[in-house]
Amino acid sequence: MPKAKASPLVRYRKRLKQRGNVRLEIQVPKDDVELVRGMARALIDPARREETRAVLKRGLSRQGALGLKALLAAAPLEGVDLERSSDTGREIDF
């Protein structure tokens, strides 16, 4: 019995895999579709790949894992009233 021929799509995906590419499916808001597509095109383009990676890593990287203290210290709290009233509520008889 003759062996079935692989479909063109299967052959294409196999070639991509051999080149080290991986298929990725994501869901983004409608407004961000062109942004994500442009980012993907820039990462595929050998002339722009390294610069794009550097910009993305710089923009998306976190400055280490921030603890609560560091997060609060970095928060813009100008104009926020941080004083707490000394009112304890209603009187309670023990």
PDB file of N, CA and C in Angstrom:
ATOM      1  N   MET A   1       0.842  -1.170   0.000  1.00  0.00           N
ATOM      2  CA  MET A   1       0.000   0.000   0.000  1.00  0.00           C
ATOM      3  C   MET A   1       0.894   1.241   0.000  1.00  0.00           C
ATOM      4  N   PRO A   2       0.680   2.177  -0.938  1.00  0.00           N
ATOM      5  CA  PRO A   2       1.532   3.369  -1.008  1.00  0.00           C
ATOM      6  C   PRO A   2       1.328   4.279   0.198  1.00  0.00           C
ATOM      7  N   LYS A   3       2.413   4.907   0.585  1.00  0.00           N
ATOM      8  CA  LYS A   3       2.391   5.811   1.727  1.00  0.00           C
ATOM      9  C   LYS A   3       1.746   7.139   1.308  1.00  0.00           C
ATOM     10  N   ALA A   4       0.889   7.691   2.174  1.00  0.00           N
ATOM     11  CA  ALA A   4       0.219   8.952   1.863  1.00  0.00           C
ATOM     12  C   ALA A   4       1.235  10.092   1.869  1.00  0.00           C
ATOM     13  N   LYS A   5       1.074  11.006   0.939  1.00  0.00           N
ATOM     14  CA  LYS A   5       1.972  12.142   0.825  1.00  0.00           C
ATOM     15  C   LYS A   5       1.586  13.194   1.872  1.00  0.00           C
ATOM     16  N   ALA A   6       2.595  13.782   2.521  1.00  0.00           N
ATOM     17  CA  ALA A   6       2.331  14.803   3.526  1.00  0.00           C
ATOM     18  C   ALA A   6       1.773  16.051   2.848  1.00  0.00           C
ATOM     19  N   SER A   7       0.849  16.695   3.510  1.00  0.00           N
ATOM     20  CA  SER A   7       0.251  17.896   2.935  1.00  0.00           C
ATOM     21  C   SER A   7       1.279  19.027   2.883  1.00  0.00           C
ATOM     22  N   PRO A   8       1.078  19.988   1.997  1.00  0.00           N
ATOM     23  CA  PRO A   8       2.020  21.115   1.914  1.00  0.00           C
ATOM     24  C   PRO A   8       2.164  21.859   3.250  1.00  0.00           C
ATOM     25  N   LEU A   9       1.082  21.966   3.987  1.00  0.00           N
ATOM     26  CA  LEU A   9       1.146  22.648   5.275  1.00  0.00           C
ATOM     27  C   LEU A   9       2.039  21.894   6.253  1.00  0.00           C
ATOM     28  N   VAL A  10       1.920  20.587   6.282  1.00  0.00           N
ATOM     29  CA  VAL A  10       2.755  19.771   7.173  1.00  0.00           C
ATOM     30  C   VAL A  10       4.223  19.902   6.781  1.00  0.00           C
ATOM     31  N   ARG A  11       4.500  19.881   5.484  1.00  0.00           N
ATOM     32  CA  ARG A  11       5.890  20.013   5.019  1.00  0.00           C
ATOM     33  C   ARG A  11       6.447  21.397   5.370  1.00  0.00           C
ATOM     34  N   TYR A  12       5.621  22.445   5.193  1.00  0.00           N
ATOM     35  CA  TYR A  12       6.043  23.816   5.518  1.00  0.00           C
ATOM     36  C   TYR A  12       6.372  23.942   7.003  1.00  0.00           C
ATOM     37  N   ARG A  13       5.509  23.426   7.852  1.00  0.00           N
ATOM     38  CA  ARG A  13       5.747  23.504   9.296  1.00  0.00           C
ATOM     39  C   ARG A  13       6.974  22.697   9.706  1.00  0.00           C
ATOM     40  N   LYS A  14       7.232  21.611   9.029  1.00  0.00           N
ATOM     41  CA  LYS A  14       8.424  20.807   9.313  1.00  0.00           C
ATOM     42  C   LYS A  14       9.686  21.594   8.964  1.00  0.00           C
ATOM     43  N   ARG A  15       9.665  22.303   7.816  1.00  0.00           N
ATOM     44  CA  ARG A  15      10.817  23.135   7.433  1.00  0.00           C
ATOM     45  C   ARG A  15      11.045  24.249   8.451  1.00  0.00           C
ATOM     46  N   LEU A  16       9.971  24.869   8.905  1.00  0.00           N
ATOM     47  CA  LEU A  16      10.106  25.917   9.916  1.00  0.00           C
ATOM     48  C   LEU A  16      10.746  25.360  11.186  1.00  0.00           C
ATOM     49  N   LYS A  17      10.306  24.196  11.587  1.00  0.00           N
ATOM     50  CA  LYS A  17      10.849  23.573  12.797  1.00  0.00           C
ATOM     51  C   LYS A  17      12.339  23.265  12.633  1.00  0.00           C
ATOM     52  N   GLN A  18      12.730  22.826  11.465  1.00  0.00           N
ATOM     53  CA  GLN A  18      14.138  22.535  11.210  1.00  0.00           C
ATOM     54  C   GLN A  18      14.989  23.798  11.274  1.00  0.00           C
ATOM     55  N   ARG A  19      14.404  24.942  10.948  1.00  0.00           N
ATOM     56  CA  ARG A  19      15.118  26.224  11.025  1.00  0.00           C
ATOM     57  C   ARG A  19      15.152  26.792  12.442  1.00  0.00           C
ATOM     58  N   GLY A  20      14.458  26.123  13.353  1.00  0.00           N
ATOM     59  CA  GLY A  20      14.453  26.597  14.732  1.00  0.00           C
ATOM     60  C   GLY A  20      13.296  27.530  15.055  1.00  0.00           C
ATOM     61  N   ASN A  21      12.322  27.632  14.171  1.00  0.00           N
ATOM     62  CA  ASN A  21      11.151  28.470  14.423  1.00  0.00           C
ATOM     63  C   ASN A  21      10.067  27.670  15.126  1.00  0.00           C
ATOM     64  N   VAL A  22       9.266  28.365  15.886  1.00  0.00           N
ATOM     65  CA  VAL A  22       8.178  27.742  16.626  1.00  0.00           C
ATOM     66  C   VAL A  22       6.897  28.496  16.321  1.00  0.00           C
ATOM     67  N   ARG A  23       5.815  27.771  16.104  1.00  0.00           N
ATOM     68  CA  ARG A  23       4.516  28.416  15.902  1.00  0.00           C
ATOM     69  C   ARG A  23       3.998  28.914  17.243  1.00  0.00           C
ATOM     70  N   LEU A  24       3.389  30.089  17.211  1.00  0.00           N
ATOM     71  CA  LEU A  24       2.885  30.691  18.428  1.00  0.00           C
ATOM     72  C   LEU A  24       1.550  31.347  18.124  1.00  0.00           C
ATOM     73  N   GLU A  25       0.565  31.044  18.936  1.00  0.00           N
ATOM     74  CA  GLU A  25      -0.737  31.677  18.773  1.00  0.00           C
ATOM     75  C   GLU A  25      -1.021  32.472  20.033  1.00  0.00           C
ATOM     76  N   ILE A  26      -1.384  33.731  19.855  1.00  0.00           N
ATOM     77  CA  ILE A  26      -1.702  34.573  21.006  1.00  0.00           C
ATOM     78  C   ILE A  26      -3.004  35.311  20.733  1.00  0.00           C
ATOM     79  N   GLN A  27      -3.611  35.801  21.785  1.00  0.00           N
ATOM     80  CA  GLN A  27      -4.811  36.611  21.665  1.00  0.00           C
ATOM     81  C   GLN A  27      -4.507  37.968  22.276  1.00  0.00           C
ATOM     82  N   VAL A  28      -4.758  39.015  21.507  1.00  0.00           N
ATOM     83  CA  VAL A  28      -4.495  40.373  21.955  1.00  0.00           C
ATOM     84  C   VAL A  28      -5.719  41.236  21.664  1.00  0.00           C
ATOM     85  N   PRO A  29      -5.837  42.365  22.351  1.00  0.00           N
ATOM     86  CA  PRO A  29      -6.929  43.283  22.029  1.00  0.00           C
ATOM     87  C   PRO A  29      -6.817  43.756  20.576  1.00  0.00           C
ATOM     88  N   LYS A  30      -7.955  44.056  19.988  1.00  0.00           N
ATOM     89  CA  LYS A  30      -8.011  44.445  18.584  1.00  0.00           C
ATOM     90  C   LYS A  30      -7.085  45.625  18.269  1.00  0.00           C
ATOM     91  N   ASP A  31      -6.975  46.566  19.198  1.00  0.00           N
ATOM     92  CA  ASP A  31      -6.138  47.743  18.981  1.00  0.00           C
ATOM     93  C   ASP A  31      -4.645  47.409  18.914  1.00  0.00           C
ATOM     94  N   ASP A  32      -4.243  46.263  19.460  1.00  0.00           N
ATOM     95  CA  ASP A  32      -2.827  45.902  19.530  1.00  0.00           C
ATOM     96  C   ASP A  32      -2.385  44.938  18.434  1.00  0.00           C
ATOM     97  N   VAL A  33      -3.293  44.534  17.563  1.00  0.00           N
ATOM     98  CA  VAL A  33      -2.965  43.532  16.541  1.00  0.00           C
ATOM     99  C   VAL A  33      -1.799  43.987  15.667  1.00  0.00           C
ATOM    100  N   GLU A  34      -1.881  45.186  15.121  1.00  0.00           N
ATOM    101  CA  GLU A  34      -0.816  45.662  14.235  1.00  0.00           C
ATOM    102  C   GLU A  34       0.505  45.838  14.988  1.00  0.00           C
ATOM    103  N   LEU A  35       0.425  46.248  16.239  1.00  0.00           N
ATOM    104  CA  LEU A  35       1.629  46.391  17.054  1.00  0.00           C
ATOM    105  C   LEU A  35       2.335  45.049  17.222  1.00  0.00           C
ATOM    106  N   VAL A  36       1.584  44.013  17.539  1.00  0.00           N
ATOM    107  CA  VAL A  36       2.166  42.685  17.749  1.00  0.00           C
ATOM    108  C   VAL A  36       2.683  42.119  16.427  1.00  0.00           C
ATOM    109  N   ARG A  37       1.948  42.337  15.358  1.00  0.00           N
ATOM    110  CA  ARG A  37       2.423  41.865  14.043  1.00  0.00           C
ATOM    111  C   ARG A  37       3.724  42.555  13.644  1.00  0.00           C
ATOM    112  N   GLY A  38       3.796  43.851  13.886  1.00  0.00           N
ATOM    113  CA  GLY A  38       5.019  44.590  13.573  1.00  0.00           C
ATOM    114  C   GLY A  38       6.193  44.103  14.403  1.00  0.00           C
ATOM    115  N   MET A  39       5.924  43.791  15.673  1.00  0.00           N
ATOM    116  CA  MET A  39       6.961  43.266  16.550  1.00  0.00           C
ATOM    117  C   MET A  39       7.455  41.909  16.023  1.00  0.00           C
ATOM    118  N   ALA A  40       6.523  41.066  15.603  1.00  0.00           N
ATOM    119  CA  ALA A  40       6.903  39.749  15.070  1.00  0.00           C
ATOM    120  C   ALA A  40       7.712  39.899  13.785  1.00  0.00           C
ATOM    121  N   ARG A  41       7.296  40.822  12.913  1.00  0.00           N
ATOM    122  CA  ARG A  41       8.051  41.043  11.666  1.00  0.00           C
ATOM    123  C   ARG A  41       9.466  41.535  11.967  1.00  0.00           C
ATOM    124  N   ALA A  42       9.595  42.408  12.946  1.00  0.00           N
ATOM    125  CA  ALA A  42      10.921  42.932  13.304  1.00  0.00           C
ATOM    126  C   ALA A  42      11.808  41.832  13.884  1.00  0.00           C
ATOM    127  N   LEU A  43      11.228  40.908  14.636  1.00  0.00           N
ATOM    128  CA  LEU A  43      12.012  39.809  15.212  1.00  0.00           C
ATOM    129  C   LEU A  43      12.433  38.799  14.148  1.00  0.00           C
ATOM    130  N   ILE A  44      11.671  38.688  13.083  1.00  0.00           N
ATOM    131  CA  ILE A  44      12.009  37.758  12.003  1.00  0.00           C
ATOM    132  C   ILE A  44      13.080  38.346  11.095  1.00  0.00           C
ATOM    133  N   ASP A  45      13.064  39.652  10.908  1.00  0.00           N
ATOM    134  CA  ASP A  45      13.996  40.335  10.013  1.00  0.00           C
ATOM    135  C   ASP A  45      15.410  40.304  10.602  1.00  0.00           C
ATOM    136  N   PRO A  46      16.368  39.653   9.928  1.00  0.00           N
ATOM    137  CA  PRO A  46      17.728  39.564  10.466  1.00  0.00           C
ATOM    138  C   PRO A  46      18.388  40.922  10.694  1.00  0.00           C
ATOM    139  N   ALA A  47      18.032  41.919   9.902  1.00  0.00           N
ATOM    140  CA  ALA A  47      18.649  43.240  10.043  1.00  0.00           C
ATOM    141  C   ALA A  47      18.162  43.977  11.293  1.00  0.00           C
ATOM    142  N   ARG A  48      16.954  43.674  11.737  1.00  0.00           N
ATOM    143  CA  ARG A  48      16.379  44.390  12.892  1.00  0.00           C
ATOM    144  C   ARG A  48      16.246  43.527  14.136  1.00  0.00           C
ATOM    145  N   ARG A  49      16.561  42.253  14.036  1.00  0.00           N
ATOM    146  CA  ARG A  49      16.314  41.297  15.119  1.00  0.00           C
ATOM    147  C   ARG A  49      16.979  41.695  16.439  1.00  0.00           C
ATOM    148  N   GLU A  50      18.274  41.966  16.410  1.00  0.00           N
ATOM    149  CA  GLU A  50      19.008  42.240  17.649  1.00  0.00           C
ATOM    150  C   GLU A  50      18.548  43.535  18.317  1.00  0.00           C
ATOM    151  N   GLU A  51      18.351  44.572  17.505  1.00  0.00           N
ATOM    152  CA  GLU A  51      17.898  45.846  18.071  1.00  0.00           C
ATOM    153  C   GLU A  51      16.505  45.707  18.683  1.00  0.00           C
ATOM    154  N   THR A  52      15.625  44.982  17.994  1.00  0.00           N
ATOM    155  CA  THR A  52      14.266  44.773  18.499  1.00  0.00           C
ATOM    156  C   THR A  52      14.288  43.999  19.810  1.00  0.00           C
ATOM    157  N   ARG A  53      15.099  42.944  19.863  1.00  0.00           N
ATOM    158  CA  ARG A  53      15.219  42.164  21.099  1.00  0.00           C
ATOM    159  C   ARG A  53      15.698  43.041  22.248  1.00  0.00           C
ATOM    160  N   ALA A  54      16.703  43.865  21.986  1.00  0.00           N
ATOM    161  CA  ALA A  54      17.250  44.725  23.040  1.00  0.00           C
ATOM    162  C   ALA A  54      16.201  45.715  23.540  1.00  0.00           C
ATOM    163  N   VAL A  55      15.459  46.309  22.625  1.00  0.00           N
ATOM    164  CA  VAL A  55      14.417  47.272  23.017  1.00  0.00           C
ATOM    165  C   VAL A  55      13.333  46.576  23.826  1.00  0.00           C
ATOM    166  N   LEU A  56      12.907  45.403  23.377  1.00  0.00           N
ATOM    167  CA  LEU A  56      11.861  44.670  24.100  1.00  0.00           C
ATOM    168  C   LEU A  56      12.328  44.222  25.478  1.00  0.00           C
ATOM    169  N   LYS A  57      13.543  43.711  25.558  1.00  0.00           N
ATOM    170  CA  LYS A  57      14.061  43.261  26.856  1.00  0.00           C
ATOM    171  C   LYS A  57      14.183  44.429  27.824  1.00  0.00           C
ATOM    172  N   ARG A  58      14.661  45.557  27.312  1.00  0.00           N
ATOM    173  CA  ARG A  58      14.811  46.740  28.161  1.00  0.00           C
ATOM    174  C   ARG A  58      13.439  47.246  28.616  1.00  0.00           C
ATOM    175  N   GLY A  59      12.476  47.227  27.718  1.00  0.00           N
ATOM    176  CA  GLY A  59      11.151  47.742  28.042  1.00  0.00           C
ATOM    177  C   GLY A  59      10.318  46.802  28.888  1.00  0.00           C
ATOM    178  N   LEU A  60      10.524  45.513  28.739  1.00  0.00           N
ATOM    179  CA  LEU A  60       9.689  44.548  29.443  1.00  0.00           C
ATOM    180  C   LEU A  60      10.333  43.955  30.681  1.00  0.00           C
ATOM    181  N   SER A  61      11.636  44.133  30.834  1.00  0.00           N
ATOM    182  CA  SER A  61      12.302  43.519  31.976  1.00  0.00           C
ATOM    183  C   SER A  61      11.945  44.261  33.253  1.00  0.00           C
ATOM    184  N   ARG A  62      11.879  43.532  34.314  1.00  0.00           N
ATOM    185  CA  ARG A  62      11.616  44.125  35.625  1.00  0.00           C
ATOM    186  C   ARG A  62      12.948  44.336  36.320  1.00  0.00           C
ATOM    187  N   GLN A  63      12.996  45.304  37.162  1.00  0.00           N
ATOM    188  CA  GLN A  63      14.218  45.616  37.899  1.00  0.00           C
ATOM    189  C   GLN A  63      14.368  44.625  39.053  1.00  0.00           C
ATOM    190  N   GLY A  64      14.394  43.365  38.764  1.00  0.00           N
ATOM    191  CA  GLY A  64      14.428  42.355  39.806  1.00  0.00           C
ATOM    192  C   GLY A  64      13.033  42.243  40.411  1.00  0.00           C
ATOM    193  N   ALA A  65      12.824  41.295  41.243  1.00  0.00           N
ATOM    194  CA  ALA A  65      11.528  41.135  41.883  1.00  0.00           C
ATOM    195  C   ALA A  65      11.410  42.155  43.004  1.00  0.00           C
ATOM    196  N   LEU A  66      10.497  43.072  42.843  1.00  0.00           N
ATOM    197  CA  LEU A  66      10.324  44.110  43.846  1.00  0.00           C
ATOM    198  C   LEU A  66       9.483  43.584  45.005  1.00  0.00           C
ATOM    199  N   GLY A  67       9.923  43.889  46.208  1.00  0.00           N
ATOM    200  CA  GLY A  67       9.124  43.554  47.366  1.00  0.00           C
ATOM    201  C   GLY A  67       8.118  44.667  47.608  1.00  0.00           C
ATOM    202  N   LEU A  68       7.258  44.493  48.581  1.00  0.00           N
ATOM    203  CA  LEU A  68       6.230  45.484  48.879  1.00  0.00           C
ATOM    204  C   LEU A  68       6.850  46.814  49.276  1.00  0.00           C
ATOM    205  N   LYS A  69       7.916  46.769  50.072  1.00  0.00           N
ATOM    206  CA  LYS A  69       8.564  48.003  50.528  1.00  0.00           C
ATOM    207  C   LYS A  69       9.115  48.793  49.343  1.00  0.00           C
ATOM    208  N   ALA A  70       9.820  48.128  48.424  1.00  0.00           N
ATOM    209  CA  ALA A  70      10.385  48.793  47.261  1.00  0.00           C
ATOM    210  C   ALA A  70       9.286  49.293  46.325  1.00  0.00           C
ATOM    211  N   LEU A  71       8.220  48.524  46.194  1.00  0.00           N
ATOM    212  CA  LEU A  71       7.105  48.925  45.352  1.00  0.00           C
ATOM    213  C   LEU A  71       6.446  50.191  45.891  1.00  0.00           C
ATOM    214  N   LEU A  72       6.235  50.241  47.194  1.00  0.00           N
ATOM    215  CA  LEU A  72       5.640  51.434  47.807  1.00  0.00           C
ATOM    216  C   LEU A  72       6.576  52.633  47.719  1.00  0.00           C
ATOM    217  N   ALA A  73       7.864  52.397  47.871  1.00  0.00           N
ATOM    218  CA  ALA A  73       8.827  53.490  47.791  1.00  0.00           C
ATOM    219  C   ALA A  73       8.873  54.077  46.381  1.00  0.00           C
ATOM    220  N   ALA A  74       8.639  53.260  45.369  1.00  0.00           N
ATOM    221  CA  ALA A  74       8.687  53.719  43.987  1.00  0.00           C
ATOM    222  C   ALA A  74       7.356  54.297  43.509  1.00  0.00           C
ATOM    223  N   ALA A  75       6.300  54.113  44.283  1.00  0.00           N
ATOM    224  CA  ALA A  75       4.971  54.567  43.865  1.00  0.00           C
ATOM    225  C   ALA A  75       4.870  56.092  43.923  1.00  0.00           C
ATOM    226  N   PRO A  76       4.217  56.694  42.953  1.00  0.00           N
ATOM    227  CA  PRO A  76       4.013  58.149  42.973  1.00  0.00           C
ATOM    228  C   PRO A  76       2.894  58.495  43.955  1.00  0.00           C
ATOM    229  N   LEU A  77       3.252  58.938  45.147  1.00  0.00           N
ATOM    230  CA  LEU A  77       2.253  59.198  46.186  1.00  0.00           C
ATOM    231  C   LEU A  77       2.038  60.678  46.446  1.00  0.00           C
ATOM    232  N   GLU A  78       2.501  61.534  45.570  1.00  0.00           N
ATOM    233  CA  GLU A  78       2.309  62.965  45.767  1.00  0.00           C
ATOM    234  C   GLU A  78       0.820  63.285  45.731  1.00  0.00           C
ATOM    235  N   GLY A  79       0.379  64.053  46.722  1.00  0.00           N
ATOM    236  CA  GLY A  79      -1.013  64.455  46.771  1.00  0.00           C
ATOM    237  C   GLY A  79      -1.940  63.426  47.387  1.00  0.00           C
ATOM    238  N   VAL A  80      -1.415  62.289  47.792  1.00  0.00           N
ATOM    239  CA  VAL A  80      -2.240  61.256  48.413  1.00  0.00           C
ATOM    240  C   VAL A  80      -2.163  61.430  49.920  1.00  0.00           C
ATOM    241  N   ASP A  81      -3.323  61.504  50.575  1.00  0.00           N
ATOM    242  CA  ASP A  81      -3.366  61.682  52.019  1.00  0.00           C
ATOM    243  C   ASP A  81      -3.127  60.337  52.696  1.00  0.00           C
ATOM    244  N   LEU A  82      -1.998  60.227  53.386  1.00  0.00           N
ATOM    245  CA  LEU A  82      -1.636  58.967  54.036  1.00  0.00           C
ATOM    246  C   LEU A  82      -1.903  58.985  55.543  1.00  0.00           C
ATOM    247  N   GLU A  83      -2.452  60.083  56.053  1.00  0.00           N
ATOM    248  CA  GLU A  83      -2.756  60.171  57.474  1.00  0.00           C
ATOM    249  C   GLU A  83      -4.006  59.364  57.780  1.00  0.00           C
ATOM    250  N   ARG A  84      -3.978  58.697  58.918  1.00  0.00           N
ATOM    251  CA  ARG A  84      -5.100  57.867  59.312  1.00  0.00           C
ATOM    252  C   ARG A  84      -5.758  58.484  60.532  1.00  0.00           C
ATOM    253  N   SER A  85      -7.058  58.516  60.520  1.00  0.00           N
ATOM    254  CA  SER A  85      -7.764  59.112  61.646  1.00  0.00           C
ATOM    255  C   SER A  85      -7.658  58.194  62.863  1.00  0.00           C
ATOM    256  N   SER A  86      -7.645  58.807  64.037  1.00  0.00           N
ATOM    257  CA  SER A  86      -7.521  58.007  65.260  1.00  0.00           C
ATOM    258  C   SER A  86      -8.875  57.535  65.763  1.00  0.00           C
ATOM    259  N   ASP A  87      -9.928  57.775  65.022  1.00  0.00           N
ATOM    260  CA  ASP A  87     -11.267  57.331  65.403  1.00  0.00           C
ATOM    261  C   ASP A  87     -11.318  55.811  65.330  1.00  0.00           C
ATOM    262  N   THR A  88     -11.604  55.162  66.439  1.00  0.00           N
ATOM    263  CA  THR A  88     -11.649  53.710  66.484  1.00  0.00           C
ATOM    264  C   THR A  88     -13.047  53.170  66.280  1.00  0.00           C
ATOM    265  N   GLY A  89     -13.983  54.045  66.012  1.00  0.00           N
ATOM    266  CA  GLY A  89     -15.348  53.587  65.797  1.00  0.00           C
ATOM    267  C   GLY A  89     -16.186  53.754  67.034  1.00  0.00           C
ATOM    268  N   ARG A  90     -17.081  52.872  67.265  1.00  0.00           N
ATOM    269  CA  ARG A  90     -18.004  52.994  68.405  1.00  0.00           C
ATOM    270  C   ARG A  90     -17.363  52.504  69.685  1.00  0.00           C
ATOM    271  N   GLU A  91     -17.926  52.969  70.787  1.00  0.00           N
ATOM    272  CA  GLU A  91     -17.438  52.556  72.121  1.00  0.00           C
ATOM    273  C   GLU A  91     -17.859  51.120  72.382  1.00  0.00           C
ATOM    274  N   ILE A  92     -16.947  50.349  72.946  1.00  0.00           N
ATOM    275  CA  ILE A  92     -17.226  48.959  73.283  1.00  0.00           C
ATOM    276  C   ILE A  92     -16.957  48.759  74.765  1.00  0.00           C
ATOM    277  N   ASP A  93     -17.941  48.174  75.467  1.00  0.00           N
ATOM    278  CA  ASP A  93     -17.771  47.855  76.887  1.00  0.00           C
ATOM    279  C   ASP A  93     -17.303  46.411  77.001  1.00  0.00           C
ATOM    280  N   PHE A  94     -16.214  46.213  77.733  1.00  0.00           N
ATOM    281  CA  PHE A  94     -15.716  44.844  77.922  1.00  0.00           C
ATOM    282  C   PHE A  94     -16.183  44.289  79.212  1.00  0.00           C
TER     283      PHE A  94
END
